[in-house]
Amino acid sequence: MLRRQLRAILIFYRGFWVPPGLVTLFSCLAIFYISQSQIRDHKEFYGILMFTAPFFWIKTFTNLIMLLYLIKLKAHEMYFYANLGMRKRELLITVFLIDYLLFFSALFLTNLCLKLTLISR
């Protein structure tokens, strides 16, 4: 049962990951380059938390747009997941939690790269 639900979540996320994944990638790259320029200009480095809030809201806005898209235009595909034992709400919450987990993991890795840059100087 759990294996079937996990497979349903992965199938659903496979058709969903591109826009949020691009937002995550561009957010991490922007935070990295903004922080690098701050380090290069010898300004006081406040860390990654200073730049995270605007990108978090961009990510949330993108996810809300994707949620509306999934609810309105992909409603007919939800029968497939219902047959696999996944309710629509359960599926959407799980996918968005996975997406935010990946977003914060990418931010954590960006922070580690910045700390390695500071140590090497």
N, C-alpha and C. Protein backbone atom coordinates (compact mmCIF):
# COMPACT_ATOMS: atom_id res chain seq x y z
N MET A 1 0.83 -1.20 0.00
CA MET A 1 0.00 0.00 0.00
C MET A 1 0.86 1.25 0.00
N LEU A 2 1.85 1.30 0.89
CA LEU A 2 2.73 2.46 0.96
C LEU A 2 3.55 2.63 -0.31
N ARG A 3 3.95 1.50 -0.87
CA ARG A 3 4.73 1.55 -2.10
C ARG A 3 3.90 2.12 -3.25
N ARG A 4 2.65 1.76 -3.32
CA ARG A 4 1.76 2.28 -4.36
C ARG A 4 1.55 3.78 -4.20
N GLN A 5 1.38 4.23 -2.96
CA GLN A 5 1.19 5.66 -2.72
C GLN A 5 2.46 6.45 -3.04
N LEU A 6 3.62 5.90 -2.68
CA LEU A 6 4.88 6.56 -2.99
C LEU A 6 5.08 6.66 -4.50
N ARG A 7 4.72 5.62 -5.20
CA ARG A 7 4.82 5.64 -6.66
C ARG A 7 3.87 6.68 -7.26
N ALA A 8 2.66 6.79 -6.70
CA ALA A 8 1.70 7.79 -7.18
C ALA A 8 2.25 9.20 -6.94
N ILE A 9 2.86 9.43 -5.79
CA ILE A 9 3.43 10.74 -5.49
C ILE A 9 4.55 11.07 -6.47
N LEU A 10 5.42 10.10 -6.74
CA LEU A 10 6.53 10.34 -7.67
C LEU A 10 6.05 10.56 -9.10
N ILE A 11 5.03 9.84 -9.52
CA ILE A 11 4.46 10.06 -10.85
C ILE A 11 3.86 11.45 -10.94
N PHE A 12 3.16 11.87 -9.90
CA PHE A 12 2.56 13.19 -9.89
C PHE A 12 3.62 14.28 -9.88
N TYR A 13 4.66 14.10 -9.08
CA TYR A 13 5.71 15.11 -8.97
C TYR A 13 6.51 15.21 -10.26
N ARG A 14 6.62 14.12 -11.00
CA ARG A 14 7.36 14.13 -12.26
C ARG A 14 6.73 15.10 -13.26
N GLY A 15 5.44 15.25 -13.26
CA GLY A 15 4.77 16.18 -14.15
C GLY A 15 4.64 17.57 -13.58
N PHE A 16 5.16 17.80 -12.42
CA PHE A 16 4.95 19.06 -11.70
C PHE A 16 6.25 19.83 -11.42
N TRP A 17 7.39 19.18 -11.48
CA TRP A 17 8.62 19.71 -10.89
C TRP A 17 9.27 20.83 -11.69
N VAL A 18 9.00 21.01 -12.95
CA VAL A 18 9.78 21.94 -13.78
C VAL A 18 9.66 23.40 -13.30
N PRO A 19 8.48 24.02 -13.21
CA PRO A 19 8.45 25.42 -12.78
C PRO A 19 8.98 25.64 -11.36
N PRO A 20 8.56 24.86 -10.37
CA PRO A 20 9.14 25.06 -9.04
C PRO A 20 10.63 24.73 -8.98
N GLY A 21 11.07 23.76 -9.77
CA GLY A 21 12.48 23.43 -9.79
C GLY A 21 13.32 24.56 -10.38
N LEU A 22 12.80 25.21 -11.42
CA LEU A 22 13.51 26.34 -11.99
C LEU A 22 13.56 27.52 -11.02
N VAL A 23 12.48 27.74 -10.30
CA VAL A 23 12.47 28.81 -9.29
C VAL A 23 13.50 28.51 -8.21
N THR A 24 13.59 27.26 -7.78
CA THR A 24 14.59 26.88 -6.78
C THR A 24 16.00 27.11 -7.30
N LEU A 25 16.25 26.68 -8.52
CA LEU A 25 17.58 26.84 -9.11
C LEU A 25 17.97 28.31 -9.24
N PHE A 26 17.09 29.12 -9.80
CA PHE A 26 17.40 30.53 -9.97
C PHE A 26 17.50 31.27 -8.64
N SER A 27 16.71 30.86 -7.66
CA SER A 27 16.81 31.47 -6.33
C SER A 27 18.17 31.20 -5.71
N CYS A 28 18.60 29.96 -5.78
CA CYS A 28 19.91 29.61 -5.20
C CYS A 28 21.05 30.30 -5.93
N LEU A 29 20.96 30.36 -7.26
CA LEU A 29 22.00 31.04 -8.02
C LEU A 29 22.03 32.54 -7.71
N ALA A 30 20.87 33.16 -7.61
CA ALA A 30 20.81 34.58 -7.29
C ALA A 30 21.36 34.86 -5.90
N ILE A 31 20.98 34.05 -4.93
CA ILE A 31 21.49 34.22 -3.57
C ILE A 31 23.00 34.03 -3.53
N PHE A 32 23.49 33.05 -4.28
CA PHE A 32 24.93 32.80 -4.30
C PHE A 32 25.69 33.98 -4.90
N TYR A 33 25.20 34.50 -6.04
CA TYR A 33 25.92 35.60 -6.68
C TYR A 33 25.79 36.91 -5.92
N ILE A 34 24.64 37.17 -5.29
CA ILE A 34 24.50 38.37 -4.47
C ILE A 34 25.44 38.29 -3.28
N SER A 35 25.51 37.13 -2.65
CA SER A 35 26.39 36.97 -1.49
C SER A 35 27.85 37.02 -1.90
N GLN A 36 28.19 36.45 -3.06
CA GLN A 36 29.56 36.50 -3.54
C GLN A 36 30.00 37.93 -3.80
N SER A 37 29.13 38.74 -4.40
CA SER A 37 29.50 40.13 -4.65
C SER A 37 29.64 40.90 -3.34
N GLN A 38 28.84 40.54 -2.36
CA GLN A 38 28.95 41.19 -1.05
C GLN A 38 30.28 40.82 -0.39
N ILE A 39 30.69 39.57 -0.51
CA ILE A 39 31.97 39.13 0.04
C ILE A 39 33.12 39.79 -0.72
N ARG A 40 33.00 39.85 -2.04
CA ARG A 40 34.05 40.41 -2.87
C ARG A 40 34.25 41.91 -2.61
N ASP A 41 33.17 42.62 -2.32
CA ASP A 41 33.26 44.06 -2.07
C ASP A 41 33.63 44.37 -0.63
N HIS A 42 33.95 43.34 0.15
CA HIS A 42 34.38 43.46 1.55
C HIS A 42 33.35 44.16 2.43
N LYS A 43 32.09 43.98 2.07
CA LYS A 43 31.03 44.47 2.93
C LYS A 43 30.81 43.45 4.03
N GLU A 44 30.07 43.83 5.02
CA GLU A 44 29.79 42.89 6.10
C GLU A 44 28.85 41.81 5.57
N PHE A 45 29.21 40.57 5.77
CA PHE A 45 28.43 39.45 5.27
C PHE A 45 27.43 39.02 6.34
N TYR A 46 26.16 39.14 6.02
CA TYR A 46 25.10 38.81 6.98
C TYR A 46 24.64 37.37 6.84
N GLY A 47 25.09 36.68 5.84
CA GLY A 47 24.68 35.29 5.65
C GLY A 47 23.53 35.19 4.68
N ILE A 48 23.10 33.99 4.51
CA ILE A 48 22.10 33.70 3.50
C ILE A 48 20.68 34.09 3.94
N LEU A 49 20.45 34.20 5.24
CA LEU A 49 19.09 34.48 5.72
C LEU A 49 18.59 35.85 5.30
N MET A 50 19.50 36.78 5.07
CA MET A 50 19.10 38.12 4.66
C MET A 50 18.44 38.11 3.29
N PHE A 51 18.84 37.19 2.43
CA PHE A 51 18.34 37.17 1.05
C PHE A 51 17.26 36.12 0.82
N THR A 52 16.95 35.33 1.81
CA THR A 52 16.06 34.20 1.62
C THR A 52 14.58 34.60 1.52
N ALA A 53 14.16 35.58 2.28
CA ALA A 53 12.73 35.91 2.36
C ALA A 53 12.09 36.26 1.02
N PRO A 54 12.69 37.14 0.20
CA PRO A 54 12.02 37.42 -1.09
C PRO A 54 11.91 36.18 -1.98
N PHE A 55 12.92 35.35 -1.97
CA PHE A 55 12.88 34.15 -2.80
C PHE A 55 11.89 33.12 -2.26
N PHE A 56 11.72 33.10 -0.94
CA PHE A 56 10.71 32.22 -0.36
C PHE A 56 9.32 32.63 -0.83
N TRP A 57 9.05 33.94 -0.88
CA TRP A 57 7.74 34.40 -1.33
C TRP A 57 7.54 34.18 -2.82
N ILE A 58 8.61 34.30 -3.60
CA ILE A 58 8.51 33.98 -5.03
C ILE A 58 8.18 32.49 -5.19
N LYS A 59 8.83 31.67 -4.39
CA LYS A 59 8.58 30.22 -4.44
C LYS A 59 7.13 29.91 -4.04
N THR A 60 6.66 30.57 -3.00
CA THR A 60 5.28 30.36 -2.55
C THR A 60 4.28 30.81 -3.61
N PHE A 61 4.54 31.95 -4.24
CA PHE A 61 3.66 32.45 -5.30
C PHE A 61 3.64 31.49 -6.48
N THR A 62 4.79 30.98 -6.86
CA THR A 62 4.86 30.00 -7.95
C THR A 62 4.10 28.74 -7.60
N ASN A 63 4.23 28.28 -6.36
CA ASN A 63 3.51 27.08 -5.95
C ASN A 63 2.00 27.30 -5.93
N LEU A 64 1.56 28.49 -5.56
CA LEU A 64 0.12 28.78 -5.59
C LEU A 64 -0.41 28.79 -7.01
N ILE A 65 0.37 29.33 -7.94
CA ILE A 65 -0.04 29.30 -9.35
C ILE A 65 -0.11 27.87 -9.85
N MET A 66 0.87 27.06 -9.47
CA MET A 66 0.85 25.65 -9.86
C MET A 66 -0.33 24.92 -9.23
N LEU A 67 -0.68 25.28 -8.00
CA LEU A 67 -1.83 24.67 -7.34
C LEU A 67 -3.11 24.98 -8.11
N LEU A 68 -3.29 26.23 -8.50
CA LEU A 68 -4.47 26.59 -9.29
C LEU A 68 -4.49 25.85 -10.63
N TYR A 69 -3.32 25.74 -11.25
CA TYR A 69 -3.21 25.01 -12.51
C TYR A 69 -3.60 23.55 -12.32
N LEU A 70 -3.11 22.95 -11.26
CA LEU A 70 -3.40 21.54 -11.01
C LEU A 70 -4.86 21.30 -10.69
N ILE A 71 -5.45 22.22 -9.94
CA ILE A 71 -6.86 22.06 -9.55
C ILE A 71 -7.79 22.27 -10.74
N LYS A 72 -7.53 23.29 -11.54
CA LYS A 72 -8.44 23.64 -12.64
C LYS A 72 -8.20 22.81 -13.90
N LEU A 73 -6.96 22.70 -14.33
CA LEU A 73 -6.71 22.10 -15.63
C LEU A 73 -6.33 20.63 -15.59
N LYS A 74 -5.94 20.13 -14.45
CA LYS A 74 -5.54 18.72 -14.35
C LYS A 74 -6.52 17.93 -13.48
N ALA A 75 -7.74 18.42 -13.33
CA ALA A 75 -8.72 17.75 -12.47
C ALA A 75 -9.07 16.35 -12.99
N HIS A 76 -9.07 16.18 -14.30
CA HIS A 76 -9.40 14.87 -14.87
C HIS A 76 -8.33 13.82 -14.57
N GLU A 77 -7.09 14.24 -14.33
CA GLU A 77 -6.03 13.29 -14.01
C GLU A 77 -6.09 12.80 -12.57
N MET A 78 -6.85 13.47 -11.74
CA MET A 78 -6.92 13.09 -10.33
C MET A 78 -7.62 11.74 -10.12
N TYR A 79 -8.40 11.31 -11.11
CA TYR A 79 -9.05 10.01 -11.00
C TYR A 79 -8.02 8.88 -11.00
N PHE A 80 -6.95 9.07 -11.76
CA PHE A 80 -5.87 8.09 -11.79
C PHE A 80 -5.27 7.90 -10.40
N TYR A 81 -5.01 9.02 -9.73
CA TYR A 81 -4.41 8.95 -8.39
C TYR A 81 -5.41 8.46 -7.35
N ALA A 82 -6.68 8.76 -7.57
CA ALA A 82 -7.71 8.23 -6.67
C ALA A 82 -7.79 6.71 -6.77
N ASN A 83 -7.60 6.19 -7.97
CA ASN A 83 -7.59 4.73 -8.14
C ASN A 83 -6.38 4.08 -7.48
N LEU A 84 -5.31 4.85 -7.30
CA LEU A 84 -4.12 4.33 -6.62
C LEU A 84 -4.21 4.52 -5.10
N GLY A 85 -5.29 5.09 -4.63
CA GLY A 85 -5.50 5.23 -3.19
C GLY A 85 -5.04 6.56 -2.62
N MET A 86 -4.85 7.57 -3.46
CA MET A 86 -4.40 8.88 -2.98
C MET A 86 -5.53 9.90 -3.18
N ARG A 87 -5.90 10.55 -2.10
CA ARG A 87 -6.87 11.63 -2.22
C ARG A 87 -6.18 12.87 -2.76
N LYS A 88 -6.93 13.76 -3.38
CA LYS A 88 -6.36 14.95 -4.02
C LYS A 88 -5.65 15.83 -3.01
N ARG A 89 -6.25 16.09 -1.89
CA ARG A 89 -5.65 16.96 -0.88
C ARG A 89 -4.36 16.34 -0.33
N GLU A 90 -4.43 15.05 -0.05
CA GLU A 90 -3.25 14.34 0.47
C GLU A 90 -2.10 14.39 -0.54
N LEU A 91 -2.41 14.21 -1.80
CA LEU A 91 -1.40 14.23 -2.85
C LEU A 91 -0.78 15.61 -3.00
N LEU A 92 -1.60 16.64 -3.03
CA LEU A 92 -1.09 18.01 -3.20
C LEU A 92 -0.24 18.45 -2.01
N ILE A 93 -0.69 18.15 -0.80
CA ILE A 93 0.08 18.53 0.39
C ILE A 93 1.43 17.82 0.40
N THR A 94 1.42 16.55 0.08
CA THR A 94 2.67 15.79 0.08
C THR A 94 3.65 16.32 -0.96
N VAL A 95 3.15 16.61 -2.16
CA VAL A 95 4.02 17.11 -3.22
C VAL A 95 4.58 18.48 -2.87
N PHE A 96 3.77 19.35 -2.31
CA PHE A 96 4.28 20.68 -1.95
C PHE A 96 5.25 20.62 -0.78
N LEU A 97 5.04 19.70 0.15
CA LEU A 97 6.02 19.51 1.23
C LEU A 97 7.35 19.00 0.69
N ILE A 98 7.30 18.09 -0.25
CA ILE A 98 8.52 17.60 -0.88
C ILE A 98 9.22 18.75 -1.61
N ASP A 99 8.45 19.57 -2.30
CA ASP A 99 9.03 20.69 -3.04
C ASP A 99 9.71 21.69 -2.11
N TYR A 100 9.07 22.02 -1.00
CA TYR A 100 9.70 22.93 -0.05
C TYR A 100 10.90 22.28 0.64
N LEU A 101 10.86 21.00 0.86
CA LEU A 101 12.01 20.30 1.42
C LEU A 101 13.21 20.39 0.47
N LEU A 102 12.96 20.21 -0.82
CA LEU A 102 14.02 20.35 -1.80
C LEU A 102 14.53 21.79 -1.88
N PHE A 103 13.62 22.76 -1.75
CA PHE A 103 14.00 24.17 -1.79
C PHE A 103 14.92 24.51 -0.62
N PHE A 104 14.53 24.11 0.58
CA PHE A 104 15.37 24.42 1.74
C PHE A 104 16.66 23.62 1.75
N SER A 105 16.66 22.44 1.18
CA SER A 105 17.90 21.67 1.05
C SER A 105 18.85 22.37 0.09
N ALA A 106 18.32 22.90 -1.00
CA ALA A 106 19.16 23.64 -1.95
C ALA A 106 19.70 24.91 -1.32
N LEU A 107 18.89 25.59 -0.51
CA LEU A 107 19.39 26.78 0.19
C LEU A 107 20.48 26.41 1.19
N PHE A 108 20.33 25.28 1.85
CA PHE A 108 21.35 24.82 2.79
C PHE A 108 22.66 24.53 2.07
N LEU A 109 22.57 23.88 0.91
CA LEU A 109 23.79 23.61 0.13
C LEU A 109 24.42 24.90 -0.39
N THR A 110 23.61 25.87 -0.76
CA THR A 110 24.14 27.17 -1.17
C THR A 110 24.86 27.83 -0.02
N ASN A 111 24.30 27.75 1.16
CA ASN A 111 24.94 28.32 2.34
C ASN A 111 26.27 27.63 2.63
N LEU A 112 26.32 26.32 2.46
CA LEU A 112 27.58 25.60 2.66
C LEU A 112 28.63 26.05 1.65
N CYS A 113 28.24 26.24 0.41
CA CYS A 113 29.19 26.71 -0.61
C CYS A 113 29.71 28.10 -0.27
N LEU A 114 28.84 28.95 0.26
CA LEU A 114 29.29 30.29 0.64
C LEU A 114 30.24 30.24 1.82
N LYS A 115 29.98 29.37 2.78
CA LYS A 115 30.89 29.24 3.92
C LYS A 115 32.24 28.70 3.49
N LEU A 116 32.26 27.77 2.54
CA LEU A 116 33.52 27.26 2.02
C LEU A 116 34.30 28.36 1.29
N THR A 117 33.57 29.24 0.63
CA THR A 117 34.21 30.38 -0.04
C THR A 117 34.83 31.31 1.00
N LEU A 118 34.13 31.54 2.10
CA LEU A 118 34.67 32.42 3.14
C LEU A 118 35.87 31.79 3.82
N ILE A 119 35.86 30.49 4.02
CA ILE A 119 36.97 29.81 4.69
C ILE A 119 38.22 29.83 3.81
N SER A 120 38.02 29.68 2.51
CA SER A 120 39.18 29.62 1.61
C SER A 120 39.86 30.97 1.42
N ARG A 121 39.23 32.04 1.83
CA ARG A 121 39.84 33.37 1.68
C ARG A 121 40.78 33.68 2.78
